[in-house]
Amino acid sequence: MIRAVFDLELRRSRQLAIWLLVVTFVYAGVLALVYPVMRDNMAKFDEYMKIYPKAILEAFGMVGSLADPGTFWNSYVASMLWPIVAGIAGILLATRSSAADAERGWIELPLAGRLPRSRYLAAAIGVQLIVMAALAAATAGGVVGAGWIVGAGFDAGRFALGGIGIWLFGCAIAAVTTLLAVVTLSRGVAGGAVAGGLLVMYLFRALASIQPDLDWLATFSAFHYLDPRAVVDQGVLPAGDVALFVGITVAAWAGAIWVFGRRDLIA
């Protein structure tokens, strides 16, 4: 029966997943296609970038030369595209099987059979994992694939690690959203809280980069622990950052399953 629930959640997520996959793959691929132009004309780009204050560039992750694969990946994809894609996917997928269905008055129907609540939500979480992994793979694959076409010389292994890094970040977003959706049973409240939290954390990181005496704010920002530039340049996933995102993800999803099994879904 859990297979049937899993298949149902996959079908319900199919349209959203396909559109986001297309957008991420095309966007990342188009940027990779122009990378050789940037690399070969980096002197002109460097002169142009000098117009902007250094602190502002650091706030947007543009540290170093854009001809560097890690800086390119971080500036245009991982720090710009991915948080938006992961936020949309995480919020819409994580609130559907609990908060959205409860608001529609439909939640009791799939729970009327013999399948325990915990397994029902676990199946939905499995779909979140798969969709987020597919989106991360499309993001990294779009860069590597288009880069191969134009001879950009990207290291596929290092970009694969970069894909794993952003996948863990996306899973943390989905997990926290799932927990909030189960606790509040409100898609708007859960989605708004997560979207607002991401915006505040992004501003925290930006302020920490712009104003040195506010660098402590970065500690409270999830973006501070997402450094795709270092992953691509060094070919190593930081153990501390991985542990943080995995810990948040496991704790939030486990908490959501526990609460879902005891929550009054009608109130």
C-alpha atoms as a PDB file:
ATOM      1  CA  MET A   1       0.000   0.000   0.000  1.00  0.00           C
ATOM      2  CA  ILE A   2       2.876   2.351   0.681  1.00  0.00           C
ATOM      3  CA  ARG A   3       3.883   1.874  -2.973  1.00  0.00           C
ATOM      4  CA  ALA A   4       0.462   3.145  -4.045  1.00  0.00           C
ATOM      5  CA  VAL A   5       0.831   6.243  -1.865  1.00  0.00           C
ATOM      6  CA  PHE A   6       4.334   6.810  -3.202  1.00  0.00           C
ATOM      7  CA  ASP A   7       3.111   6.550  -6.800  1.00  0.00           C
ATOM      8  CA  LEU A   8       0.239   8.925  -6.009  1.00  0.00           C
ATOM      9  CA  GLU A   9       2.608  11.533  -4.585  1.00  0.00           C
ATOM     10  CA  LEU A  10       4.873  11.173  -7.615  1.00  0.00           C
ATOM     11  CA  ARG A  11       1.953  11.780  -9.964  1.00  0.00           C
ATOM     12  CA  ARG A  12       0.814  14.790  -7.957  1.00  0.00           C
ATOM     13  CA  SER A  13       4.337  16.242  -8.107  1.00  0.00           C
ATOM     14  CA  ARG A  14       4.999  15.393 -11.747  1.00  0.00           C
ATOM     15  CA  GLN A  15       3.945  18.656 -13.371  1.00  0.00           C
ATOM     16  CA  LEU A  16       5.803  20.845 -10.865  1.00  0.00           C
ATOM     17  CA  ALA A  17       8.909  18.671 -11.088  1.00  0.00           C
ATOM     18  CA  ILE A  18       8.963  18.688 -14.902  1.00  0.00           C
ATOM     19  CA  TRP A  19       8.657  22.458 -15.159  1.00  0.00           C
ATOM     20  CA  LEU A  20      11.344  23.085 -12.560  1.00  0.00           C
ATOM     21  CA  LEU A  21      13.625  20.504 -14.183  1.00  0.00           C
ATOM     22  CA  VAL A  22      13.292  22.203 -17.555  1.00  0.00           C
ATOM     23  CA  VAL A  23      13.881  25.669 -16.117  1.00  0.00           C
ATOM     24  CA  THR A  24      16.945  24.681 -14.083  1.00  0.00           C
ATOM     25  CA  PHE A  25      18.526  22.613 -16.840  1.00  0.00           C
ATOM     26  CA  VAL A  26      18.027  25.281 -19.511  1.00  0.00           C
ATOM     27  CA  TYR A  27      19.076  28.174 -17.270  1.00  0.00           C
ATOM     28  CA  ALA A  28      22.224  26.413 -16.053  1.00  0.00           C
ATOM     29  CA  GLY A  29      23.039  25.228 -19.558  1.00  0.00           C
ATOM     30  CA  VAL A  30      22.675  28.676 -21.151  1.00  0.00           C
ATOM     31  CA  LEU A  31      25.000  30.178 -18.555  1.00  0.00           C
ATOM     32  CA  ALA A  32      27.552  27.433 -19.189  1.00  0.00           C
ATOM     33  CA  LEU A  33      27.410  28.132 -22.920  1.00  0.00           C
ATOM     34  CA  VAL A  34      28.608  31.696 -22.372  1.00  0.00           C
ATOM     35  CA  TYR A  35      31.265  30.718 -19.817  1.00  0.00           C
ATOM     36  CA  PRO A  36      34.087  30.405 -22.404  1.00  0.00           C
ATOM     37  CA  VAL A  37      33.328  33.945 -23.587  1.00  0.00           C
ATOM     38  CA  MET A  38      33.661  35.200 -20.017  1.00  0.00           C
ATOM     39  CA  ARG A  39      36.835  33.192 -19.458  1.00  0.00           C
ATOM     40  CA  ASP A  40      38.503  34.416 -22.658  1.00  0.00           C
ATOM     41  CA  ASN A  41      37.566  38.025 -21.987  1.00  0.00           C
ATOM     42  CA  MET A  42      38.109  38.026 -18.253  1.00  0.00           C
ATOM     43  CA  ALA A  43      40.265  41.148 -18.288  1.00  0.00           C
ATOM     44  CA  LYS A  44      37.306  43.167 -19.573  1.00  0.00           C
ATOM     45  CA  PHE A  45      34.948  41.539 -17.098  1.00  0.00           C
ATOM     46  CA  ASP A  46      37.346  42.312 -14.248  1.00  0.00           C
ATOM     47  CA  GLU A  47      37.436  45.964 -15.231  1.00  0.00           C
ATOM     48  CA  TYR A  48      33.660  46.032 -15.333  1.00  0.00           C
ATOM     49  CA  MET A  49      33.356  44.350 -11.930  1.00  0.00           C
ATOM     50  CA  LYS A  50      35.613  46.991 -10.376  1.00  0.00           C
ATOM     51  CA  ILE A  51      32.750  49.452 -10.762  1.00  0.00           C
ATOM     52  CA  TYR A  52      30.878  47.700  -7.933  1.00  0.00           C
ATOM     53  CA  PRO A  53      31.908  47.890  -4.266  1.00  0.00           C
ATOM     54  CA  LYS A  54      33.808  44.819  -3.141  1.00  0.00           C
ATOM     55  CA  ALA A  55      31.444  44.236  -0.228  1.00  0.00           C
ATOM     56  CA  ILE A  56      28.449  44.106  -2.566  1.00  0.00           C
ATOM     57  CA  LEU A  57      30.170  41.526  -4.779  1.00  0.00           C
ATOM     58  CA  GLU A  58      31.003  39.418  -1.720  1.00  0.00           C
ATOM     59  CA  ALA A  59      27.368  39.599  -0.608  1.00  0.00           C
ATOM     60  CA  PHE A  60      26.340  37.990  -3.910  1.00  0.00           C
ATOM     61  CA  GLY A  61      29.063  35.351  -3.765  1.00  0.00           C
ATOM     62  CA  MET A  62      31.185  36.934  -6.502  1.00  0.00           C
ATOM     63  CA  VAL A  63      34.484  36.414  -4.692  1.00  0.00           C
ATOM     64  CA  GLY A  64      37.411  35.809  -7.008  1.00  0.00           C
ATOM     65  CA  SER A  65      37.493  35.685 -10.775  1.00  0.00           C
ATOM     66  CA  LEU A  66      34.386  34.682 -12.698  1.00  0.00           C
ATOM     67  CA  ALA A  67      36.722  32.712 -14.959  1.00  0.00           C
ATOM     68  CA  ASP A  68      37.184  30.339 -12.033  1.00  0.00           C
ATOM     69  CA  PRO A  69      34.668  27.430 -12.305  1.00  0.00           C
ATOM     70  CA  GLY A  70      33.855  27.552  -8.596  1.00  0.00           C
ATOM     71  CA  THR A  71      33.147  31.272  -8.582  1.00  0.00           C
ATOM     72  CA  PHE A  72      31.110  30.936 -11.769  1.00  0.00           C
ATOM     73  CA  TRP A  73      29.043  28.080 -10.288  1.00  0.00           C
ATOM     74  CA  ASN A  74      28.531  29.874  -6.992  1.00  0.00           C
ATOM     75  CA  SER A  75      27.688  33.298  -8.422  1.00  0.00           C
ATOM     76  CA  TYR A  76      25.310  32.377 -11.226  1.00  0.00           C
ATOM     77  CA  VAL A  77      23.839  29.033 -10.242  1.00  0.00           C
ATOM     78  CA  ALA A  78      24.228  27.828  -6.656  1.00  0.00           C
ATOM     79  CA  SER A  79      23.673  31.156  -4.909  1.00  0.00           C
ATOM     80  CA  MET A  80      21.304  32.734  -7.417  1.00  0.00           C
ATOM     81  CA  LEU A  81      19.215  30.048  -9.120  1.00  0.00           C
ATOM     82  CA  TRP A  82      19.234  27.193  -6.637  1.00  0.00           C
ATOM     83  CA  PRO A  83      17.789  28.874  -3.506  1.00  0.00           C
ATOM     84  CA  ILE A  84      14.775  29.979  -5.567  1.00  0.00           C
ATOM     85  CA  VAL A  85      14.249  26.558  -7.150  1.00  0.00           C
ATOM     86  CA  ALA A  86      14.807  24.688  -3.881  1.00  0.00           C
ATOM     87  CA  GLY A  87      12.496  27.072  -2.043  1.00  0.00           C
ATOM     88  CA  ILE A  88       9.671  26.647  -4.557  1.00  0.00           C
ATOM     89  CA  ALA A  89      10.035  22.861  -4.706  1.00  0.00           C
ATOM     90  CA  GLY A  90      10.466  22.461  -0.975  1.00  0.00           C
ATOM     91  CA  ILE A  91       7.475  24.607  -0.049  1.00  0.00           C
ATOM     92  CA  LEU A  92       5.049  23.229  -2.632  1.00  0.00           C
ATOM     93  CA  LEU A  93       5.995  19.569  -2.183  1.00  0.00           C
ATOM     94  CA  ALA A  94       6.295  19.592   1.597  1.00  0.00           C
ATOM     95  CA  THR A  95       2.964  21.263   2.266  1.00  0.00           C
ATOM     96  CA  ARG A  96       0.898  19.219  -0.196  1.00  0.00           C
ATOM     97  CA  SER A  97       0.489  15.906   1.626  1.00  0.00           C
ATOM     98  CA  SER A  98      -0.427  17.450   4.992  1.00  0.00           C
ATOM     99  CA  ALA A  99      -1.369  21.132   5.168  1.00  0.00           C
ATOM    100  CA  ALA A 100      -2.842  21.498   1.677  1.00  0.00           C
ATOM    101  CA  ASP A 101      -4.885  18.297   1.931  1.00  0.00           C
ATOM    102  CA  ALA A 102      -6.092  19.247   5.407  1.00  0.00           C
ATOM    103  CA  GLU A 103      -7.225  22.657   4.163  1.00  0.00           C
ATOM    104  CA  ARG A 104      -9.167  20.991   1.349  1.00  0.00           C
ATOM    105  CA  GLY A 105     -10.773  18.543   3.778  1.00  0.00           C
ATOM    106  CA  TRP A 106      -9.270  15.606   1.885  1.00  0.00           C
ATOM    107  CA  ILE A 107      -6.612  14.401   4.338  1.00  0.00           C
ATOM    108  CA  GLU A 108      -8.774  11.749   6.031  1.00  0.00           C
ATOM    109  CA  LEU A 109      -9.421   9.930   2.744  1.00  0.00           C
ATOM    110  CA  PRO A 110      -5.883   8.587   2.134  1.00  0.00           C
ATOM    111  CA  LEU A 111      -5.563   7.832   5.849  1.00  0.00           C
ATOM    112  CA  ALA A 112      -8.796   5.804   6.011  1.00  0.00           C
ATOM    113  CA  GLY A 113      -7.065   2.560   5.030  1.00  0.00           C
ATOM    114  CA  ARG A 114      -4.667   0.325   6.936  1.00  0.00           C
ATOM    115  CA  LEU A 115      -1.548   2.338   6.114  1.00  0.00           C
ATOM    116  CA  PRO A 116      -0.218   4.057   9.260  1.00  0.00           C
ATOM    117  CA  ARG A 117       0.103   7.824   9.201  1.00  0.00           C
ATOM    118  CA  SER A 118       3.865   7.600   9.660  1.00  0.00           C
ATOM    119  CA  ARG A 119       4.298   5.550   6.490  1.00  0.00           C
ATOM    120  CA  TYR A 120       1.967   7.809   4.550  1.00  0.00           C
ATOM    121  CA  LEU A 121       4.077  10.870   5.370  1.00  0.00           C
ATOM    122  CA  ALA A 122       7.299   8.891   4.869  1.00  0.00           C
ATOM    123  CA  ALA A 123       6.178   8.114   1.316  1.00  0.00           C
ATOM    124  CA  ALA A 124       5.602  11.814   0.678  1.00  0.00           C
ATOM    125  CA  ILE A 125       9.036  12.591   2.114  1.00  0.00           C
ATOM    126  CA  GLY A 126      10.552  10.007  -0.222  1.00  0.00           C
ATOM    127  CA  VAL A 127       9.089  11.921  -3.165  1.00  0.00           C
ATOM    128  CA  GLN A 128      10.581  15.149  -1.824  1.00  0.00           C
ATOM    129  CA  LEU A 129      14.000  13.465  -1.686  1.00  0.00           C
ATOM    130  CA  ILE A 130      13.741  12.180  -5.247  1.00  0.00           C
ATOM    131  CA  VAL A 131      12.438  15.400  -6.791  1.00  0.00           C
ATOM    132  CA  MET A 132      15.053  17.504  -5.005  1.00  0.00           C
ATOM    133  CA  ALA A 133      17.790  15.106  -6.153  1.00  0.00           C
ATOM    134  CA  ALA A 134      16.532  15.289  -9.745  1.00  0.00           C
ATOM    135  CA  LEU A 135      16.538  19.097  -9.627  1.00  0.00           C
ATOM    136  CA  ALA A 136      20.068  19.207  -8.213  1.00  0.00           C
ATOM    137  CA  ALA A 137      21.235  16.735 -10.874  1.00  0.00           C
ATOM    138  CA  ALA A 138      19.589  18.823 -13.627  1.00  0.00           C
ATOM    139  CA  THR A 139      21.283  21.953 -12.310  1.00  0.00           C
ATOM    140  CA  ALA A 140      24.751  20.433 -12.206  1.00  0.00           C
ATOM    141  CA  GLY A 141      24.155  18.387 -15.354  1.00  0.00           C
ATOM    142  CA  GLY A 142      23.044  21.433 -17.333  1.00  0.00           C
ATOM    143  CA  VAL A 143      26.310  23.197 -16.521  1.00  0.00           C
ATOM    144  CA  VAL A 144      28.531  20.203 -17.235  1.00  0.00           C
ATOM    145  CA  GLY A 145      26.660  19.162 -20.394  1.00  0.00           C
ATOM    146  CA  ALA A 146      26.625  22.600 -21.978  1.00  0.00           C
ATOM    147  CA  GLY A 147      30.196  23.155 -20.827  1.00  0.00           C
ATOM    148  CA  TRP A 148      31.254  19.993 -22.631  1.00  0.00           C
ATOM    149  CA  ILE A 149      29.626  21.236 -25.849  1.00  0.00           C
ATOM    150  CA  VAL A 150      31.574  24.513 -25.824  1.00  0.00           C
ATOM    151  CA  GLY A 151      34.792  23.070 -24.411  1.00  0.00           C
ATOM    152  CA  ALA A 152      34.574  24.819 -21.050  1.00  0.00           C
ATOM    153  CA  GLY A 153      36.661  22.121 -19.386  1.00  0.00           C
ATOM    154  CA  PHE A 154      34.465  21.654 -16.327  1.00  0.00           C
ATOM    155  CA  ASP A 155      35.359  18.793 -13.998  1.00  0.00           C
ATOM    156  CA  ALA A 156      32.263  16.576 -13.956  1.00  0.00           C
ATOM    157  CA  GLY A 157      33.223  14.920 -10.671  1.00  0.00           C
ATOM    158  CA  ARG A 158      33.596  18.206  -8.824  1.00  0.00           C
ATOM    159  CA  PHE A 159      30.344  19.554 -10.204  1.00  0.00           C
ATOM    160  CA  ALA A 160      28.673  16.320  -9.130  1.00  0.00           C
ATOM    161  CA  LEU A 161      29.858  17.056  -5.595  1.00  0.00           C
ATOM    162  CA  GLY A 162      28.502  20.570  -6.030  1.00  0.00           C
ATOM    163  CA  GLY A 163      25.173  19.002  -6.970  1.00  0.00           C
ATOM    164  CA  ILE A 164      25.220  16.903  -3.803  1.00  0.00           C
ATOM    165  CA  GLY A 165      25.908  20.026  -1.744  1.00  0.00           C
ATOM    166  CA  ILE A 166      22.954  21.964  -3.107  1.00  0.00           C
ATOM    167  CA  TRP A 167      20.760  18.842  -2.826  1.00  0.00           C
ATOM    168  CA  LEU A 168      21.457  18.672   0.915  1.00  0.00           C
ATOM    169  CA  PHE A 169      20.580  22.351   1.210  1.00  0.00           C
ATOM    170  CA  GLY A 170      17.310  21.759  -0.649  1.00  0.00           C
ATOM    171  CA  CYS A 171      16.445  18.753   1.515  1.00  0.00           C
ATOM    172  CA  ALA A 172      16.885  20.868   4.642  1.00  0.00           C
ATOM    173  CA  ILE A 173      14.393  23.401   3.254  1.00  0.00           C
ATOM    174  CA  ALA A 174      11.879  20.671   2.418  1.00  0.00           C
ATOM    175  CA  ALA A 175      12.285  19.004   5.821  1.00  0.00           C
ATOM    176  CA  VAL A 176      11.739  22.186   7.827  1.00  0.00           C
ATOM    177  CA  THR A 177       8.729  23.048   5.657  1.00  0.00           C
ATOM    178  CA  THR A 178       7.281  19.570   6.198  1.00  0.00           C
ATOM    179  CA  LEU A 179       7.546  19.972   9.972  1.00  0.00           C
ATOM    180  CA  LEU A 180       5.919  23.413   9.921  1.00  0.00           C
ATOM    181  CA  ALA A 181       3.170  22.174   7.593  1.00  0.00           C
ATOM    182  CA  VAL A 182       2.334  19.309   9.951  1.00  0.00           C
ATOM    183  CA  VAL A 183       2.385  21.542  13.035  1.00  0.00           C
ATOM    184  CA  THR A 184       0.312  24.379  11.563  1.00  0.00           C
ATOM    185  CA  LEU A 185      -1.780  22.464   8.985  1.00  0.00           C
ATOM    186  CA  SER A 186      -1.654  25.680   6.984  1.00  0.00           C
ATOM    187  CA  ARG A 187       0.070  25.810   3.629  1.00  0.00           C
ATOM    188  CA  GLY A 188       0.220  29.609   3.748  1.00  0.00           C
ATOM    189  CA  VAL A 189       1.698  29.806   7.235  1.00  0.00           C
ATOM    190  CA  ALA A 190       4.298  27.090   6.637  1.00  0.00           C
ATOM    191  CA  GLY A 191       5.265  28.346   3.186  1.00  0.00           C
ATOM    192  CA  GLY A 192       5.355  31.974   4.285  1.00  0.00           C
ATOM    193  CA  ALA A 193       7.497  31.183   7.319  1.00  0.00           C
ATOM    194  CA  VAL A 194      10.047  29.259   5.260  1.00  0.00           C
ATOM    195  CA  ALA A 195      10.134  31.814   2.427  1.00  0.00           C
ATOM    196  CA  GLY A 196      10.468  34.663   4.920  1.00  0.00           C
ATOM    197  CA  GLY A 197      13.146  32.791   6.835  1.00  0.00           C
ATOM    198  CA  LEU A 198      15.176  32.203   3.671  1.00  0.00           C
ATOM    199  CA  LEU A 199      14.947  35.880   2.763  1.00  0.00           C
ATOM    200  CA  VAL A 200      16.032  36.979   6.244  1.00  0.00           C
ATOM    201  CA  MET A 201      18.947  34.526   6.246  1.00  0.00           C
ATOM    202  CA  TYR A 202      20.033  35.752   2.813  1.00  0.00           C
ATOM    203  CA  LEU A 203      19.981  39.336   4.106  1.00  0.00           C
ATOM    204  CA  PHE A 204      21.941  38.248   7.186  1.00  0.00           C
ATOM    205  CA  ARG A 205      24.686  36.831   4.997  1.00  0.00           C
ATOM    206  CA  ALA A 206      24.689  39.917   2.785  1.00  0.00           C
ATOM    207  CA  LEU A 207      24.916  42.270   5.775  1.00  0.00           C
ATOM    208  CA  ALA A 208      27.709  40.172   7.276  1.00  0.00           C
ATOM    209  CA  SER A 209      29.671  40.561   4.038  1.00  0.00           C
ATOM    210  CA  ILE A 210      29.002  44.275   3.653  1.00  0.00           C
ATOM    211  CA  GLN A 211      29.477  45.363   7.281  1.00  0.00           C
ATOM    212  CA  PRO A 212      32.445  43.728   9.073  1.00  0.00           C
ATOM    213  CA  ASP A 213      31.108  44.480  12.565  1.00  0.00           C
ATOM    214  CA  LEU A 214      27.964  42.503  11.677  1.00  0.00           C
ATOM    215  CA  ASP A 215      29.831  39.377  10.586  1.00  0.00           C
ATOM    216  CA  TRP A 216      28.258  37.472  13.491  1.00  0.00           C
ATOM    217  CA  LEU A 217      24.943  37.547  11.608  1.00  0.00           C
ATOM    218  CA  ALA A 218      26.326  35.008   9.145  1.00  0.00           C
ATOM    219  CA  THR A 219      26.237  32.387  11.905  1.00  0.00           C
ATOM    220  CA  PHE A 220      22.425  32.469  11.774  1.00  0.00           C
ATOM    221  CA  SER A 221      22.234  32.103   7.995  1.00  0.00           C
ATOM    222  CA  ALA A 222      21.950  28.752   6.235  1.00  0.00           C
ATOM    223  CA  PHE A 223      23.637  30.361   3.224  1.00  0.00           C
ATOM    224  CA  HIS A 224      26.785  30.811   5.301  1.00  0.00           C
ATOM    225  CA  TYR A 225      27.139  27.032   5.423  1.00  0.00           C
ATOM    226  CA  LEU A 226      26.510  26.590   1.700  1.00  0.00           C
ATOM    227  CA  ASP A 227      29.800  27.237  -0.089  1.00  0.00           C
ATOM    228  CA  PRO A 228      29.545  25.602  -3.524  1.00  0.00           C
ATOM    229  CA  ARG A 229      32.560  27.575  -4.731  1.00  0.00           C
ATOM    230  CA  ALA A 230      34.907  25.704  -2.417  1.00  0.00           C
ATOM    231  CA  VAL A 231      33.330  22.354  -3.307  1.00  0.00           C
ATOM    232  CA  VAL A 232      33.905  22.824  -7.037  1.00  0.00           C
ATOM    233  CA  ASP A 233      37.393  24.304  -6.642  1.00  0.00           C
ATOM    234  CA  GLN A 234      38.682  21.815  -4.077  1.00  0.00           C
ATOM    235  CA  GLY A 235      36.605  18.757  -4.938  1.00  0.00           C
ATOM    236  CA  VAL A 236      35.692  18.118  -1.289  1.00  0.00           C
ATOM    237  CA  LEU A 237      32.390  18.461   0.562  1.00  0.00           C
ATOM    238  CA  PRO A 238      32.980  20.213   3.927  1.00  0.00           C
ATOM    239  CA  ALA A 239      32.197  17.615   6.594  1.00  0.00           C
ATOM    240  CA  GLY A 240      30.871  20.185   9.069  1.00  0.00           C
ATOM    241  CA  ASP A 241      28.431  21.740   6.596  1.00  0.00           C
ATOM    242  CA  VAL A 242      27.235  18.319   5.424  1.00  0.00           C
ATOM    243  CA  ALA A 243      26.672  17.232   9.028  1.00  0.00           C
ATOM    244  CA  LEU A 244      24.700  20.410   9.745  1.00  0.00           C
ATOM    245  CA  PHE A 245      22.321  20.037   6.788  1.00  0.00           C
ATOM    246  CA  VAL A 246      21.914  16.281   7.308  1.00  0.00           C
ATOM    247  CA  GLY A 247      21.214  16.827  10.999  1.00  0.00           C
ATOM    248  CA  ILE A 248      18.581  19.492  10.318  1.00  0.00           C
ATOM    249  CA  THR A 249      16.974  17.360   7.606  1.00  0.00           C
ATOM    250  CA  VAL A 250      16.784  14.157   9.636  1.00  0.00           C
ATOM    251  CA  ALA A 251      15.582  15.927  12.786  1.00  0.00           C
ATOM    252  CA  ALA A 252      12.895  17.933  10.970  1.00  0.00           C
ATOM    253  CA  TRP A 253      11.549  15.010   8.947  1.00  0.00           C
ATOM    254  CA  ALA A 254      11.595  12.712  11.986  1.00  0.00           C
ATOM    255  CA  GLY A 255       9.808  15.373  14.023  1.00  0.00           C
ATOM    256  CA  ALA A 256       7.223  15.806  11.265  1.00  0.00           C
ATOM    257  CA  ILE A 257       6.506  12.074  11.170  1.00  0.00           C
ATOM    258  CA  TRP A 258       6.168  11.957  14.959  1.00  0.00           C
ATOM    259  CA  VAL A 259       3.830  14.966  15.087  1.00  0.00           C
ATOM    260  CA  PHE A 260       1.789  13.753  12.113  1.00  0.00           C
ATOM    261  CA  GLY A 261       1.058  10.489  13.886  1.00  0.00           C
ATOM    262  CA  ARG A 262      -0.426  12.305  16.859  1.00  0.00           C
ATOM    263  CA  ARG A 263      -1.853  15.487  15.348  1.00  0.00           C
ATOM    264  CA  ASP A 264      -5.594  16.133  15.220  1.00  0.00           C
ATOM    265  CA  LEU A 265      -5.948  16.647  11.482  1.00  0.00           C
ATOM    266  CA  ILE A 266      -9.508  17.877  11.634  1.00  0.00           C
ATOM    267  CA  ALA A 267      -9.084  20.703  14.156  1.00  0.00           C
END
